[in-house]
Amino acid sequence: MAKKKKSIELSEKNIEFTIEKISYKVIRFYPSAMTLDVMVSNENGVKIGVQTIPFAHATKDVKKLIKPN
């Protein structure tokens, strides 16, 4: 049976990226599912909430910072 990897807490690294006027702040990374928990804010800075997005949807510079290997 495969070993399940634990989540990696990234909130203290302050990793942020923007896609189509929506800002995402990375909270944690789940290597087993290759997903990110992110805090979502609109262009006015109003927090929308926490969402889970696929790791592949993050920008290239964010992927280099997280390094899932």
PDB file of N, CA and C in Angstrom:
ATOM      1  N   MET A   1       0.838  -1.180   0.000  1.00  0.00           N
ATOM      2  CA  MET A   1       0.000   0.000   0.000  1.00  0.00           C
ATOM      3  C   MET A   1       0.887   1.249   0.000  1.00  0.00           C
ATOM      4  N   ALA A   2       0.518   2.225  -0.799  1.00  0.00           N
ATOM      5  CA  ALA A   2       1.316   3.439  -0.918  1.00  0.00           C
ATOM      6  C   ALA A   2       1.231   4.282   0.353  1.00  0.00           C
ATOM      7  N   LYS A   3       2.336   4.911   0.668  1.00  0.00           N
ATOM      8  CA  LYS A   3       2.392   5.758   1.846  1.00  0.00           C
ATOM      9  C   LYS A   3       1.789   7.121   1.505  1.00  0.00           C
ATOM     10  N   LYS A   4       0.889   7.616   2.330  1.00  0.00           N
ATOM     11  CA  LYS A   4       0.249   8.899   2.084  1.00  0.00           C
ATOM     12  C   LYS A   4       1.133  10.016   2.637  1.00  0.00           C
ATOM     13  N   LYS A   5       1.453  10.995   1.766  1.00  0.00           N
ATOM     14  CA  LYS A   5       2.284  12.115   2.184  1.00  0.00           C
ATOM     15  C   LYS A   5       1.446  13.135   2.935  1.00  0.00           C
ATOM     16  N   LYS A   6       2.033  13.755   3.924  1.00  0.00           N
ATOM     17  CA  LYS A   6       1.336  14.772   4.706  1.00  0.00           C
ATOM     18  C   LYS A   6       1.318  16.090   3.954  1.00  0.00           C
ATOM     19  N   SER A   7       0.438  16.959   4.355  1.00  0.00           N
ATOM     20  CA  SER A   7       0.366  18.277   3.725  1.00  0.00           C
ATOM     21  C   SER A   7       1.551  19.129   4.156  1.00  0.00           C
ATOM     22  N   ILE A   8       1.924  20.077   3.300  1.00  0.00           N
ATOM     23  CA  ILE A   8       3.030  20.981   3.573  1.00  0.00           C
ATOM     24  C   ILE A   8       2.461  22.364   3.816  1.00  0.00           C
ATOM     25  N   GLU A   9       2.677  22.898   5.000  1.00  0.00           N
ATOM     26  CA  GLU A   9       2.162  24.226   5.372  1.00  0.00           C
ATOM     27  C   GLU A   9       3.018  25.302   4.701  1.00  0.00           C
ATOM     28  N   LEU A  10       2.385  26.194   3.942  1.00  0.00           N
ATOM     29  CA  LEU A  10       3.108  27.221   3.197  1.00  0.00           C
ATOM     30  C   LEU A  10       2.644  28.635   3.528  1.00  0.00           C
ATOM     31  N   SER A  11       1.768  28.802   4.494  1.00  0.00           N
ATOM     32  CA  SER A  11       1.222  30.125   4.790  1.00  0.00           C
ATOM     33  C   SER A  11       2.282  31.110   5.276  1.00  0.00           C
ATOM     34  N   GLU A  12       3.321  30.628   5.968  1.00  0.00           N
ATOM     35  CA  GLU A  12       4.355  31.535   6.469  1.00  0.00           C
ATOM     36  C   GLU A  12       5.294  32.025   5.359  1.00  0.00           C
ATOM     37  N   LYS A  13       5.275  31.388   4.186  1.00  0.00           N
ATOM     38  CA  LYS A  13       6.140  31.804   3.076  1.00  0.00           C
ATOM     39  C   LYS A  13       5.530  32.948   2.261  1.00  0.00           C
ATOM     40  N   ASN A  14       4.276  33.286   2.489  1.00  0.00           N
ATOM     41  CA  ASN A  14       3.590  34.385   1.788  1.00  0.00           C
ATOM     42  C   ASN A  14       3.696  34.278   0.267  1.00  0.00           C
ATOM     43  N   ILE A  15       3.337  33.119  -0.267  1.00  0.00           N
ATOM     44  CA  ILE A  15       3.358  32.897  -1.714  1.00  0.00           C
ATOM     45  C   ILE A  15       2.019  33.357  -2.281  1.00  0.00           C
ATOM     46  N   GLU A  16       2.066  34.315  -3.198  1.00  0.00           N
ATOM     47  CA  GLU A  16       0.848  34.862  -3.796  1.00  0.00           C
ATOM     48  C   GLU A  16       0.990  34.932  -5.304  1.00  0.00           C
ATOM     49  N   PHE A  17      -0.135  34.769  -6.008  1.00  0.00           N
ATOM     50  CA  PHE A  17      -0.155  34.944  -7.453  1.00  0.00           C
ATOM     51  C   PHE A  17      -1.532  35.443  -7.866  1.00  0.00           C
ATOM     52  N   THR A  18      -1.598  36.031  -9.070  1.00  0.00           N
ATOM     53  CA  THR A  18      -2.837  36.612  -9.568  1.00  0.00           C
ATOM     54  C   THR A  18      -3.162  36.028 -10.933  1.00  0.00           C
ATOM     55  N   ILE A  19      -4.422  35.638 -11.110  1.00  0.00           N
ATOM     56  CA  ILE A  19      -4.920  35.154 -12.393  1.00  0.00           C
ATOM     57  C   ILE A  19      -6.238  35.863 -12.668  1.00  0.00           C
ATOM     58  N   GLU A  20      -6.290  36.592 -13.781  1.00  0.00           N
ATOM     59  CA  GLU A  20      -7.500  37.300 -14.211  1.00  0.00           C
ATOM     60  C   GLU A  20      -8.112  38.161 -13.105  1.00  0.00           C
ATOM     61  N   LYS A  21      -7.296  39.038 -12.518  1.00  0.00           N
ATOM     62  CA  LYS A  21      -7.695  39.999 -11.478  1.00  0.00           C
ATOM     63  C   LYS A  21      -8.146  39.356 -10.166  1.00  0.00           C
ATOM     64  N   ILE A  22      -7.891  38.078  -9.990  1.00  0.00           N
ATOM     65  CA  ILE A  22      -8.214  37.395  -8.736  1.00  0.00           C
ATOM     66  C   ILE A  22      -6.894  36.977  -8.088  1.00  0.00           C
ATOM     67  N   SER A  23      -6.701  37.347  -6.819  1.00  0.00           N
ATOM     68  CA  SER A  23      -5.466  37.046  -6.099  1.00  0.00           C
ATOM     69  C   SER A  23      -5.621  35.765  -5.295  1.00  0.00           C
ATOM     70  N   TYR A  24      -4.568  34.965  -5.304  1.00  0.00           N
ATOM     71  CA  TYR A  24      -4.530  33.710  -4.561  1.00  0.00           C
ATOM     72  C   TYR A  24      -3.339  33.734  -3.624  1.00  0.00           C
ATOM     73  N   LYS A  25      -3.554  33.399  -2.350  1.00  0.00           N
ATOM     74  CA  LYS A  25      -2.468  33.272  -1.380  1.00  0.00           C
ATOM     75  C   LYS A  25      -2.420  31.809  -0.957  1.00  0.00           C
ATOM     76  N   VAL A  26      -1.289  31.176  -1.180  1.00  0.00           N
ATOM     77  CA  VAL A  26      -1.151  29.744  -0.920  1.00  0.00           C
ATOM     78  C   VAL A  26      -1.088  29.488   0.578  1.00  0.00           C
ATOM     79  N   ILE A  27      -1.916  28.548   1.048  1.00  0.00           N
ATOM     80  CA  ILE A  27      -1.952  28.180   2.458  1.00  0.00           C
ATOM     81  C   ILE A  27      -1.210  26.866   2.693  1.00  0.00           C
ATOM     82  N   ARG A  28      -1.580  25.829   1.929  1.00  0.00           N
ATOM     83  CA  ARG A  28      -0.897  24.541   2.077  1.00  0.00           C
ATOM     84  C   ARG A  28      -0.947  23.756   0.774  1.00  0.00           C
ATOM     85  N   PHE A  29      -0.040  22.783   0.680  1.00  0.00           N
ATOM     86  CA  PHE A  29       0.113  21.939  -0.498  1.00  0.00           C
ATOM     87  C   PHE A  29      -0.062  20.485  -0.087  1.00  0.00           C
ATOM     88  N   TYR A  30      -0.879  19.747  -0.848  1.00  0.00           N
ATOM     89  CA  TYR A  30      -1.108  18.322  -0.607  1.00  0.00           C
ATOM     90  C   TYR A  30      -0.417  17.521  -1.710  1.00  0.00           C
ATOM     91  N   PRO A  31       0.784  16.969  -1.447  1.00  0.00           N
ATOM     92  CA  PRO A  31       1.525  16.255  -2.494  1.00  0.00           C
ATOM     93  C   PRO A  31       0.827  14.994  -2.988  1.00  0.00           C
ATOM     94  N   SER A  32       0.067  14.323  -2.141  1.00  0.00           N
ATOM     95  CA  SER A  32      -0.583  13.084  -2.571  1.00  0.00           C
ATOM     96  C   SER A  32      -1.688  13.348  -3.589  1.00  0.00           C
ATOM     97  N   ALA A  33      -2.365  14.479  -3.466  1.00  0.00           N
ATOM     98  CA  ALA A  33      -3.441  14.829  -4.397  1.00  0.00           C
ATOM     99  C   ALA A  33      -3.001  15.888  -5.408  1.00  0.00           C
ATOM    100  N   MET A  34      -1.812  16.466  -5.222  1.00  0.00           N
ATOM    101  CA  MET A  34      -1.294  17.541  -6.075  1.00  0.00           C
ATOM    102  C   MET A  34      -2.286  18.708  -6.151  1.00  0.00           C
ATOM    103  N   THR A  35      -2.737  19.156  -4.965  1.00  0.00           N
ATOM    104  CA  THR A  35      -3.650  20.289  -4.883  1.00  0.00           C
ATOM    105  C   THR A  35      -3.111  21.330  -3.905  1.00  0.00           C
ATOM    106  N   LEU A  36      -3.637  22.541  -4.035  1.00  0.00           N
ATOM    107  CA  LEU A  36      -3.268  23.648  -3.161  1.00  0.00           C
ATOM    108  C   LEU A  36      -4.512  24.186  -2.478  1.00  0.00           C
ATOM    109  N   ASP A  37      -4.420  24.492  -1.196  1.00  0.00           N
ATOM    110  CA  ASP A  37      -5.446  25.272  -0.508  1.00  0.00           C
ATOM    111  C   ASP A  37      -5.020  26.723  -0.631  1.00  0.00           C
ATOM    112  N   VAL A  38      -5.910  27.577  -1.126  1.00  0.00           N
ATOM    113  CA  VAL A  38      -5.579  28.982  -1.334  1.00  0.00           C
ATOM    114  C   VAL A  38      -6.669  29.880  -0.764  1.00  0.00           C
ATOM    115  N   MET A  39      -6.257  31.080  -0.294  1.00  0.00           N
ATOM    116  CA  MET A  39      -7.195  32.119   0.109  1.00  0.00           C
ATOM    117  C   MET A  39      -7.413  32.983  -1.122  1.00  0.00           C
ATOM    118  N   VAL A  40      -8.670  33.156  -1.512  1.00  0.00           N
ATOM    119  CA  VAL A  40      -9.007  33.875  -2.735  1.00  0.00           C
ATOM    120  C   VAL A  40      -9.522  35.266  -2.391  1.00  0.00           C
ATOM    121  N   SER A  41      -8.995  36.286  -3.112  1.00  0.00           N
ATOM    122  CA  SER A  41      -9.423  37.671  -2.943  1.00  0.00           C
ATOM    123  C   SER A  41      -9.699  38.267  -4.318  1.00  0.00           C
ATOM    124  N   ASN A  42     -10.686  39.159  -4.400  1.00  0.00           N
ATOM    125  CA  ASN A  42     -10.956  39.811  -5.683  1.00  0.00           C
ATOM    126  C   ASN A  42     -10.041  41.010  -5.863  1.00  0.00           C
ATOM    127  N   GLU A  43     -10.205  41.776  -6.951  1.00  0.00           N
ATOM    128  CA  GLU A  43      -9.292  42.888  -7.256  1.00  0.00           C
ATOM    129  C   GLU A  43      -9.356  44.026  -6.244  1.00  0.00           C
ATOM    130  N   ASN A  44     -10.451  44.121  -5.480  1.00  0.00           N
ATOM    131  CA  ASN A  44     -10.594  45.162  -4.455  1.00  0.00           C
ATOM    132  C   ASN A  44      -9.989  44.752  -3.120  1.00  0.00           C
ATOM    133  N   GLY A  45      -9.469  43.535  -3.031  1.00  0.00           N
ATOM    134  CA  GLY A  45      -8.879  43.045  -1.792  1.00  0.00           C
ATOM    135  C   GLY A  45      -9.877  42.386  -0.860  1.00  0.00           C
ATOM    136  N   VAL A  46     -11.115  42.216  -1.306  1.00  0.00           N
ATOM    137  CA  VAL A  46     -12.141  41.573  -0.496  1.00  0.00           C
ATOM    138  C   VAL A  46     -11.941  40.060  -0.555  1.00  0.00           C
ATOM    139  N   LYS A  47     -11.805  39.435   0.615  1.00  0.00           N
ATOM    140  CA  LYS A  47     -11.583  38.000   0.672  1.00  0.00           C
ATOM    141  C   LYS A  47     -12.865  37.256   0.299  1.00  0.00           C
ATOM    142  N   ILE A  48     -12.735  36.322  -0.630  1.00  0.00           N
ATOM    143  CA  ILE A  48     -13.864  35.516  -1.076  1.00  0.00           C
ATOM    144  C   ILE A  48     -13.972  34.243  -0.242  1.00  0.00           C
ATOM    145  N   GLY A  49     -12.830  33.636   0.082  1.00  0.00           N
ATOM    146  CA  GLY A  49     -12.827  32.430   0.904  1.00  0.00           C
ATOM    147  C   GLY A  49     -11.676  31.513   0.544  1.00  0.00           C
ATOM    148  N   VAL A  50     -11.665  30.338   1.157  1.00  0.00           N
ATOM    149  CA  VAL A  50     -10.628  29.341   0.915  1.00  0.00           C
ATOM    150  C   VAL A  50     -11.133  28.359  -0.131  1.00  0.00           C
ATOM    151  N   GLN A  51     -10.285  28.058  -1.110  1.00  0.00           N
ATOM    152  CA  GLN A  51     -10.629  27.101  -2.154  1.00  0.00           C
ATOM    153  C   GLN A  51      -9.486  26.118  -2.331  1.00  0.00           C
ATOM    154  N   THR A  52      -9.795  24.968  -2.887  1.00  0.00           N
ATOM    155  CA  THR A  52      -8.784  23.993  -3.255  1.00  0.00           C
ATOM    156  C   THR A  52      -8.677  24.005  -4.772  1.00  0.00           C
ATOM    157  N   ILE A  53      -7.456  24.228  -5.268  1.00  0.00           N
ATOM    158  CA  ILE A  53      -7.239  24.254  -6.710  1.00  0.00           C
ATOM    159  C   ILE A  53      -6.162  23.236  -7.072  1.00  0.00           C
ATOM    160  N   PRO A  54      -6.173  22.737  -8.301  1.00  0.00           N
ATOM    161  CA  PRO A  54      -5.109  21.827  -8.735  1.00  0.00           C
ATOM    162  C   PRO A  54      -3.768  22.549  -8.796  1.00  0.00           C
ATOM    163  N   PHE A  55      -2.700  21.848  -8.479  1.00  0.00           N
ATOM    164  CA  PHE A  55      -1.362  22.410  -8.521  1.00  0.00           C
ATOM    165  C   PHE A  55      -1.024  22.912  -9.921  1.00  0.00           C
ATOM    166  N   ALA A  56      -1.544  22.258 -10.939  1.00  0.00           N
ATOM    167  CA  ALA A  56      -1.263  22.630 -12.327  1.00  0.00           C
ATOM    168  C   ALA A  56      -1.800  24.008 -12.685  1.00  0.00           C
ATOM    169  N   HIS A  57      -2.761  24.538 -11.947  1.00  0.00           N
ATOM    170  CA  HIS A  57      -3.328  25.848 -12.239  1.00  0.00           C
ATOM    171  C   HIS A  57      -2.490  26.993 -11.690  1.00  0.00           C
ATOM    172  N   ALA A  58      -1.510  26.706 -10.877  1.00  0.00           N
ATOM    173  CA  ALA A  58      -0.632  27.745 -10.336  1.00  0.00           C
ATOM    174  C   ALA A  58       0.320  28.230 -11.427  1.00  0.00           C
ATOM    175  N   THR A  59       0.843  29.437 -11.261  1.00  0.00           N
ATOM    176  CA  THR A  59       1.771  29.986 -12.243  1.00  0.00           C
ATOM    177  C   THR A  59       3.139  29.304 -12.127  1.00  0.00           C
ATOM    178  N   LYS A  60       3.960  29.446 -13.170  1.00  0.00           N
ATOM    179  CA  LYS A  60       5.257  28.771 -13.208  1.00  0.00           C
ATOM    180  C   LYS A  60       6.170  29.187 -12.061  1.00  0.00           C
ATOM    181  N   ASP A  61       6.172  30.476 -11.722  1.00  0.00           N
ATOM    182  CA  ASP A  61       7.052  30.923 -10.638  1.00  0.00           C
ATOM    183  C   ASP A  61       6.634  30.352  -9.287  1.00  0.00           C
ATOM    184  N   VAL A  62       5.339  30.151  -9.077  1.00  0.00           N
ATOM    185  CA  VAL A  62       4.854  29.527  -7.832  1.00  0.00           C
ATOM    186  C   VAL A  62       5.240  28.061  -7.793  1.00  0.00           C
ATOM    187  N   LYS A  63       5.128  27.377  -8.917  1.00  0.00           N
ATOM    188  CA  LYS A  63       5.507  25.960  -8.977  1.00  0.00           C
ATOM    189  C   LYS A  63       6.982  25.781  -8.635  1.00  0.00           C
ATOM    190  N   LYS A  64       7.824  26.709  -9.082  1.00  0.00           N
ATOM    191  CA  LYS A  64       9.258  26.616  -8.783  1.00  0.00           C
ATOM    192  C   LYS A  64       9.517  26.799  -7.288  1.00  0.00           C
ATOM    193  N   LEU A  65       8.724  27.637  -6.615  1.00  0.00           N
ATOM    194  CA  LEU A  65       8.895  27.852  -5.182  1.00  0.00           C
ATOM    195  C   LEU A  65       8.461  26.648  -4.357  1.00  0.00           C
ATOM    196  N   ILE A  66       7.409  25.959  -4.799  1.00  0.00           N
ATOM    197  CA  ILE A  66       6.857  24.848  -4.020  1.00  0.00           C
ATOM    198  C   ILE A  66       7.635  23.555  -4.259  1.00  0.00           C
ATOM    199  N   LYS A  67       8.031  23.270  -5.475  1.00  0.00           N
ATOM    200  CA  LYS A  67       8.791  22.076  -5.850  1.00  0.00           C
ATOM    201  C   LYS A  67       8.186  20.799  -5.256  1.00  0.00           C
ATOM    202  N   PRO A  68       7.213  20.185  -5.921  1.00  0.00           N
ATOM    203  CA  PRO A  68       6.497  19.037  -5.367  1.00  0.00           C
ATOM    204  C   PRO A  68       7.308  17.752  -5.247  1.00  0.00           C
ATOM    205  N   ASN A  69       8.478  17.669  -5.850  1.00  0.00           N
ATOM    206  CA  ASN A  69       9.252  16.415  -5.817  1.00  0.00           C
ATOM    207  C   ASN A  69       9.713  16.154  -4.444  1.00  0.00           C
TER     208      ASN A  69
END
